[in-house]
Protein backbone atom coordinates (compact mmCIF):
# COMPACT_ATOMS: atom_id res chain seq x y z
CA UNK A 1 27.67 -170.97 1.69
CA UNK A 2 31.03 -170.85 3.74
CA UNK A 3 34.03 -172.20 1.87
CA UNK A 4 32.48 -175.68 1.10
CA UNK A 5 29.92 -175.62 3.52
CA UNK A 6 26.15 -174.39 3.27
CA UNK A 7 24.16 -173.35 6.40
CA UNK A 8 20.50 -173.83 6.24
CA UNK A 9 18.42 -171.74 8.64
CA UNK A 10 14.89 -172.05 10.28
CA UNK A 11 13.04 -169.76 12.30
CA UNK A 12 9.53 -171.12 13.50
CA UNK A 13 8.19 -167.42 13.53
CA UNK A 14 8.57 -167.14 9.64
CA UNK A 15 9.28 -170.48 8.14
CA UNK A 16 6.98 -173.51 7.36
CA UNK A 17 7.22 -177.12 8.38
CA UNK A 18 8.67 -177.93 4.91
CA UNK A 19 11.70 -175.86 5.71
CA UNK A 20 12.24 -177.45 9.24
CA UNK A 21 12.06 -180.82 7.41
CA UNK A 22 14.87 -179.54 4.76
CA UNK A 23 17.07 -178.46 7.86
CA UNK A 24 16.72 -181.49 10.11
CA UNK A 25 15.56 -184.51 8.26
CA UNK A 26 18.90 -185.42 6.72
CA UNK A 27 20.18 -185.71 10.14
CA UNK A 28 17.77 -188.00 11.74
CA UNK A 29 13.86 -188.21 11.09
CA UNK A 30 13.37 -188.38 14.80
CA UNK A 31 14.34 -184.77 15.11
CA UNK A 32 11.35 -183.81 12.74
CA UNK A 33 9.10 -185.58 15.33
CA UNK A 34 10.96 -183.81 18.01
CA UNK A 35 10.86 -180.34 16.72
CA UNK A 36 7.48 -180.64 14.98
CA UNK A 37 5.32 -180.19 17.95
CA UNK A 38 7.45 -177.85 19.57
CA UNK A 39 7.26 -175.16 16.74
CA UNK A 40 3.36 -174.98 17.45
CA UNK A 41 3.86 -173.54 20.78
CA UNK A 42 7.55 -172.32 21.20
CA UNK A 43 10.14 -170.06 19.35
CA UNK A 44 12.57 -172.47 17.56
CA UNK A 45 15.67 -171.49 15.84
CA UNK A 46 17.78 -173.90 13.92
CA UNK A 47 21.07 -173.69 11.99
CA UNK A 48 22.18 -176.59 10.09
CA UNK A 49 25.75 -177.12 8.41
CA UNK A 50 25.93 -179.37 5.18
CA UNK A 51 28.90 -180.30 3.06
CA UNK A 52 28.26 -178.25 -0.25
CA UNK A 53 29.62 -180.89 -2.59
CA UNK A 54 28.16 -184.11 -1.10
CA UNK A 55 24.90 -182.54 0.52
CA UNK A 56 25.62 -184.61 3.72
CA UNK A 57 24.56 -183.16 6.99
CA UNK A 58 27.36 -182.31 9.42
CA UNK A 59 26.19 -179.96 12.45
CA UNK A 60 23.13 -178.62 13.84
CA UNK A 61 22.54 -175.92 16.32
CA UNK A 62 18.77 -175.54 17.96
CA UNK A 63 17.67 -173.02 20.19
CA UNK A 64 14.02 -173.36 21.93
CA UNK A 65 12.38 -170.72 23.83
CA UNK A 66 11.35 -172.53 26.96
CA UNK A 67 9.90 -169.26 28.69
CA UNK A 68 9.67 -165.63 27.91
CA UNK A 69 13.36 -164.80 29.19
CA UNK A 70 15.09 -168.29 28.50
CA UNK A 71 16.36 -170.32 25.49
CA UNK A 72 17.51 -173.94 25.70
CA UNK A 73 20.22 -174.64 23.10
CA UNK A 74 21.20 -178.06 21.80
CA UNK A 75 23.78 -179.62 19.36
CA UNK A 76 23.32 -182.50 17.15
CA UNK A 77 26.36 -184.03 15.24
CA UNK A 78 26.05 -186.37 12.31
CA UNK A 79 27.91 -189.52 11.65
CA UNK A 80 29.75 -187.53 8.77
CA UNK A 81 31.28 -184.93 10.93
CA UNK A 82 35.04 -185.36 11.52
CA UNK A 83 36.71 -184.52 14.71
CA UNK A 84 39.63 -183.29 12.81
CA UNK A 85 37.99 -179.67 12.35
CA UNK A 86 39.14 -177.71 9.34
CA UNK A 87 39.40 -173.96 9.63
CA UNK A 88 36.31 -173.69 7.12
CA UNK A 89 34.29 -175.88 9.64
CA UNK A 90 35.23 -173.87 12.61
CA UNK A 91 34.29 -170.98 10.71
CA UNK A 92 30.81 -172.20 9.91
CA UNK A 93 30.17 -173.47 13.53
CA UNK A 94 31.25 -170.07 14.69
CA UNK A 95 28.81 -168.31 12.37
CA UNK A 96 25.86 -170.60 13.49
CA UNK A 97 26.61 -169.86 17.14
CA UNK A 98 26.94 -166.09 16.76
CA UNK A 99 23.93 -165.90 14.61
CA UNK A 100 21.79 -167.96 17.18
CA UNK A 101 23.15 -165.84 20.19
CA UNK A 102 22.67 -162.61 18.34
CA UNK A 103 19.07 -163.46 17.65
CA UNK A 104 18.31 -164.39 21.27
CA UNK A 105 20.88 -161.83 22.80
CA UNK A 106 18.13 -160.26 25.05
CA UNK A 107 17.28 -163.24 27.21
CA UNK A 108 19.27 -165.85 29.06
CA UNK A 109 20.51 -169.33 27.35
CA UNK A 110 21.69 -172.55 28.42
CA UNK A 111 23.66 -175.27 26.46
CA UNK A 112 23.86 -178.57 28.32
CA UNK A 113 25.48 -181.12 26.13
CA UNK A 114 27.01 -184.48 26.70
CA UNK A 115 31.05 -184.24 26.75
CA UNK A 116 32.75 -186.03 23.92
CA UNK A 117 35.62 -185.64 21.62
CA UNK A 118 33.64 -183.38 19.32
CA UNK A 119 32.50 -181.05 22.13
CA UNK A 120 36.04 -180.86 23.33
CA UNK A 121 36.96 -179.89 19.90
CA UNK A 122 34.37 -177.16 19.71
CA UNK A 123 34.38 -175.88 23.45
CA UNK A 124 36.41 -172.80 22.57
CA UNK A 125 34.19 -171.93 19.71
CA UNK A 126 31.11 -171.85 22.15
CA UNK A 127 33.01 -169.61 24.50
CA UNK A 128 34.23 -167.34 21.90
CA UNK A 129 30.85 -167.00 20.72
CA UNK A 130 29.64 -165.58 23.98
CA UNK A 131 28.60 -168.34 26.33
CA UNK A 132 30.56 -168.96 29.65
CA UNK A 133 31.77 -172.55 30.60
CA UNK A 134 30.10 -173.09 33.92
CA UNK A 135 30.98 -176.86 34.99
CA UNK A 136 31.16 -180.43 34.37
CA UNK A 137 28.28 -182.86 35.15
CA UNK A 138 28.34 -186.62 35.84
CA UNK A 139 25.33 -188.81 34.81
CA UNK A 140 25.13 -191.77 37.32
CA UNK A 141 23.07 -194.86 36.79
CA UNK A 142 22.00 -197.98 38.83
CA UNK A 143 19.96 -201.03 37.98
CA UNK A 144 17.11 -201.32 40.91
CA UNK A 145 15.91 -204.82 40.27
CA UNK A 146 13.40 -206.46 42.18
CA UNK A 147 14.21 -205.04 45.80
CA UNK A 148 15.34 -201.71 46.74
CA UNK A 149 17.26 -200.17 49.70
CA UNK A 150 15.46 -199.68 52.67
CA UNK A 151 17.98 -197.91 54.92
CA UNK A 152 15.25 -195.50 55.97
CA UNK A 153 13.83 -197.92 58.29
CA UNK A 154 16.36 -196.95 61.04
CA UNK A 155 15.83 -193.24 60.52
CA UNK A 156 14.10 -191.09 62.84
CA UNK A 157 12.08 -189.50 59.62
CA UNK A 158 8.64 -189.97 58.61
CA UNK A 159 7.73 -189.60 54.79
CA UNK A 160 5.04 -188.02 52.75
CA UNK A 161 4.06 -187.81 49.13
CA UNK A 162 5.05 -184.24 47.57
CA UNK A 163 1.65 -183.88 45.85
CA UNK A 164 0.15 -183.66 49.59
CA UNK A 165 2.14 -180.55 50.41
CA UNK A 166 1.62 -176.95 49.52
CA UNK A 167 3.49 -174.91 47.02
CA UNK A 168 4.79 -172.23 49.52
CA UNK A 169 6.05 -174.81 51.90
CA UNK A 170 7.76 -176.93 49.30
CA UNK A 171 9.33 -173.76 47.71
CA UNK A 172 10.49 -172.63 51.06
CA UNK A 173 12.17 -176.26 51.61
CA UNK A 174 13.93 -175.80 48.14
CA UNK A 175 15.41 -172.64 48.88
CA UNK A 176 16.87 -173.86 52.21
CA UNK A 177 18.22 -177.12 50.69
CA UNK A 178 19.55 -176.10 47.31
CA UNK A 179 23.14 -176.05 46.93
CA UNK A 180 24.43 -173.47 44.46
CA UNK A 181 27.78 -174.77 43.78
CA UNK A 182 28.00 -172.82 40.46
CA UNK A 183 29.31 -169.51 41.59
CA UNK A 184 28.72 -167.20 38.88
CA UNK A 185 26.01 -164.40 38.11
CA UNK A 186 24.69 -166.20 35.11
CA UNK A 187 23.53 -169.10 37.31
CA UNK A 188 21.85 -166.93 39.81
CA UNK A 189 19.99 -165.54 37.04
CA UNK A 190 19.39 -168.85 35.39
CA UNK A 191 17.83 -170.12 38.48
CA UNK A 192 15.25 -167.32 38.53
CA UNK A 193 14.47 -167.08 34.76
CA UNK A 194 14.22 -170.84 34.15
CA UNK A 195 12.00 -171.18 37.31
CA UNK A 196 13.89 -174.20 38.44
CA UNK A 197 11.28 -175.10 41.25
CA UNK A 198 8.50 -174.63 39.16
CA UNK A 199 9.83 -176.85 36.57
CA UNK A 200 10.21 -179.70 39.28
CA UNK A 201 6.82 -179.28 40.77
CA UNK A 202 4.91 -179.06 37.79
CA UNK A 203 7.01 -181.51 35.64
CA UNK A 204 4.53 -183.51 33.43
CA UNK A 205 6.32 -186.82 34.21
CA UNK A 206 6.63 -186.24 38.16
CA UNK A 207 6.25 -189.66 39.79
CA UNK A 208 3.47 -189.09 42.50
CA UNK A 209 4.81 -192.11 44.56
CA UNK A 210 8.60 -191.87 44.05
CA UNK A 211 8.69 -188.10 45.12
CA UNK A 212 8.87 -187.97 48.66
CA UNK A 213 8.94 -185.43 51.40
CA UNK A 214 10.95 -186.21 54.79
CA UNK A 215 9.92 -184.83 58.10
CA UNK A 216 11.25 -184.71 61.42
CA UNK A 217 7.93 -184.26 63.49
CA UNK A 218 6.26 -181.46 61.68
CA UNK A 219 9.27 -180.01 60.24
CA UNK A 220 10.16 -180.67 56.60
CA UNK A 221 13.79 -181.47 56.35
CA UNK A 222 14.18 -182.63 52.74
CA UNK A 223 12.77 -183.96 49.58
CA UNK A 224 13.35 -185.85 46.52
CA UNK A 225 11.64 -185.26 43.08
CA UNK A 226 11.77 -188.11 40.77
CA UNK A 227 10.48 -188.24 37.18
CA UNK A 228 9.53 -191.47 35.69
CA UNK A 229 9.39 -192.72 32.02
CA UNK A 230 7.87 -196.08 31.78
CA UNK A 231 10.30 -198.33 33.75
CA UNK A 232 13.09 -195.70 33.89
CA UNK A 233 13.27 -192.84 36.58
CA UNK A 234 15.51 -190.00 37.15
CA UNK A 235 16.14 -188.14 40.18
CA UNK A 236 15.40 -184.50 39.32
CA UNK A 237 16.26 -183.22 42.52
CA UNK A 238 17.23 -184.30 46.04
CA UNK A 239 18.14 -181.88 48.81
CA UNK A 240 18.28 -181.62 52.55
CA UNK A 241 17.79 -178.47 54.55
CA UNK A 242 21.19 -177.06 55.38
CA UNK A 243 20.52 -177.17 59.23
CA UNK A 244 19.58 -180.86 58.94
CA UNK A 245 22.53 -182.22 57.12
CA UNK A 246 25.21 -184.65 58.00
CA UNK A 247 22.55 -186.80 59.69
CA UNK A 248 22.26 -189.37 56.96
CA UNK A 249 18.96 -187.73 56.12
CA UNK A 250 19.76 -187.77 52.36
CA UNK A 251 20.60 -191.48 52.70
CA UNK A 252 17.14 -192.11 54.20
CA UNK A 253 15.55 -190.12 51.37
CA UNK A 254 17.36 -192.29 48.80
CA UNK A 255 16.46 -195.40 50.45
CA UNK A 256 13.01 -194.74 50.92
CA UNK A 257 12.71 -193.69 47.13
CA UNK A 258 14.38 -196.82 46.03
CA UNK A 259 12.08 -198.85 47.94
CA UNK A 260 9.14 -197.43 46.40
CA UNK A 261 10.36 -197.32 42.83
CA UNK A 262 11.44 -201.11 43.25
CA UNK A 263 7.69 -201.92 44.41
CA UNK A 264 6.52 -199.96 41.20
CA UNK A 265 8.82 -202.14 38.95
CA UNK A 266 11.23 -199.29 38.11
CA UNK A 267 14.28 -200.92 36.54
CA UNK A 268 16.75 -198.17 36.20
CA UNK A 269 17.41 -195.05 37.68
CA UNK A 270 19.62 -192.10 36.76
CA UNK A 271 20.73 -188.76 37.98
CA UNK A 272 22.92 -185.79 36.68
CA UNK A 273 25.03 -184.10 39.28
CA UNK A 274 27.36 -181.28 39.28
CA UNK A 275 31.04 -182.89 39.63
CA UNK A 276 31.61 -180.11 42.24
CA UNK A 277 28.81 -181.27 44.33
CA UNK A 278 31.22 -183.86 46.47
CA UNK A 279 28.43 -184.67 49.25
CA UNK A 280 25.90 -185.78 46.56
CA UNK A 281 28.29 -187.60 44.63
CA UNK A 282 29.36 -189.47 47.72
CA UNK A 283 25.70 -190.18 48.49
CA UNK A 284 24.96 -191.64 45.16
CA UNK A 285 28.09 -193.76 44.98
CA UNK A 286 27.28 -195.24 48.29
CA UNK A 287 24.25 -196.50 46.86
CA UNK A 288 26.01 -198.30 44.00
CA UNK A 289 25.27 -195.55 41.25
CA UNK A 290 28.01 -195.54 38.32
CA UNK A 291 29.29 -193.14 36.01
CA UNK A 292 27.54 -193.55 32.54
CA UNK A 293 28.56 -190.29 30.93
CA UNK A 294 29.71 -186.87 31.39
CA UNK A 295 27.94 -183.43 30.37
CA UNK A 296 29.04 -179.88 30.09
CA UNK A 297 27.00 -176.74 31.08
CA UNK A 298 27.55 -173.40 29.28
CA UNK A 299 25.29 -170.28 30.17
CA UNK A 300 24.88 -166.76 28.61
CA UNK A 301 23.12 -163.84 30.16
CA UNK A 302 20.63 -161.85 28.23
C-alpha cells in the first residue's frame, strides 16, 4: 500500500490466472481476454493501482515480452482516475514504472501510447523512471468508400504482390527505403531487437492483395505493407528507395493500394506516422487522410 493506494502485482512466470483476474478485471473484462492468451506463451508483468478505501481501479501498467530482448509496455487508465494528480498517486505511478523497468532492465522496452491529458500529466514520471521521450506520432484515417484513387495509372511503374518476392530482396528494399527520423541510439537498437522488417513480412494479418511492390523494369523501387482487420486496413509501412524519391512513386503506390482495397470492399484506412516525417505526412494528407489522434513514443535501452 502507498498512502491510500494499493498496488497489485502479476508476473506470469509465478502467478496464476486468478491473480491476473484480480489485477485486470476491475479495469475492463476485455483485458482478461486480452492478457489471458498472452500469458500462455509470453512473459507478462502487470502493476495495477487501486484506491485503498473505495477499491476502485485507477492505473494499470503492463509489460509483454515480444521477443527475447524486447518488451512492449502499455498503460490503461480507468474512468475513476483524476487528471489532478495527488502526490500520493505520483509516487504510486513512479513505483510501478520503476518496478517494471527494473524487472526488465537487461532488455529494450517501448511504450507507445495515445497522447491525452493524463499522459501529459505523467510524462515526466515516465522519463524520470528511465525511459526516453523520442517523438510524437499522428494517426491519420480516411474513408475509402466504393472507389479508390487510381493515380498510379499514369505512372511508369509496374506492381506485384509482396508475397511473390523473396525475403532477401524485400529486406534489401526495406533497408534502402526506411527513413530513421528518430535520431537516437535507442531507436537504432530497437529497430534491430524488435526485428521491424520481420514483424512486417510475417504479420499474421498481412493483406496479400493490398501489400504491393513497385518496380521500374526489374528494379524494386518501393513497397507498401498493409494489414487488414475485416473492413478496416492499416498501412504498416510504405517506403520508396532513396534514389527513386521525388518522382511521385509514393503517390503511385498509394493509388494502387487504395484501388485494391476499394475493390476488396475495405471501408476505412489508417496510418501512424512520425510527426517529423514531413514527406510522408504530405503524401497522406494529399490523399485526404485526416488526423484522428496523436501518440507518443518512449524507448529504453537494455
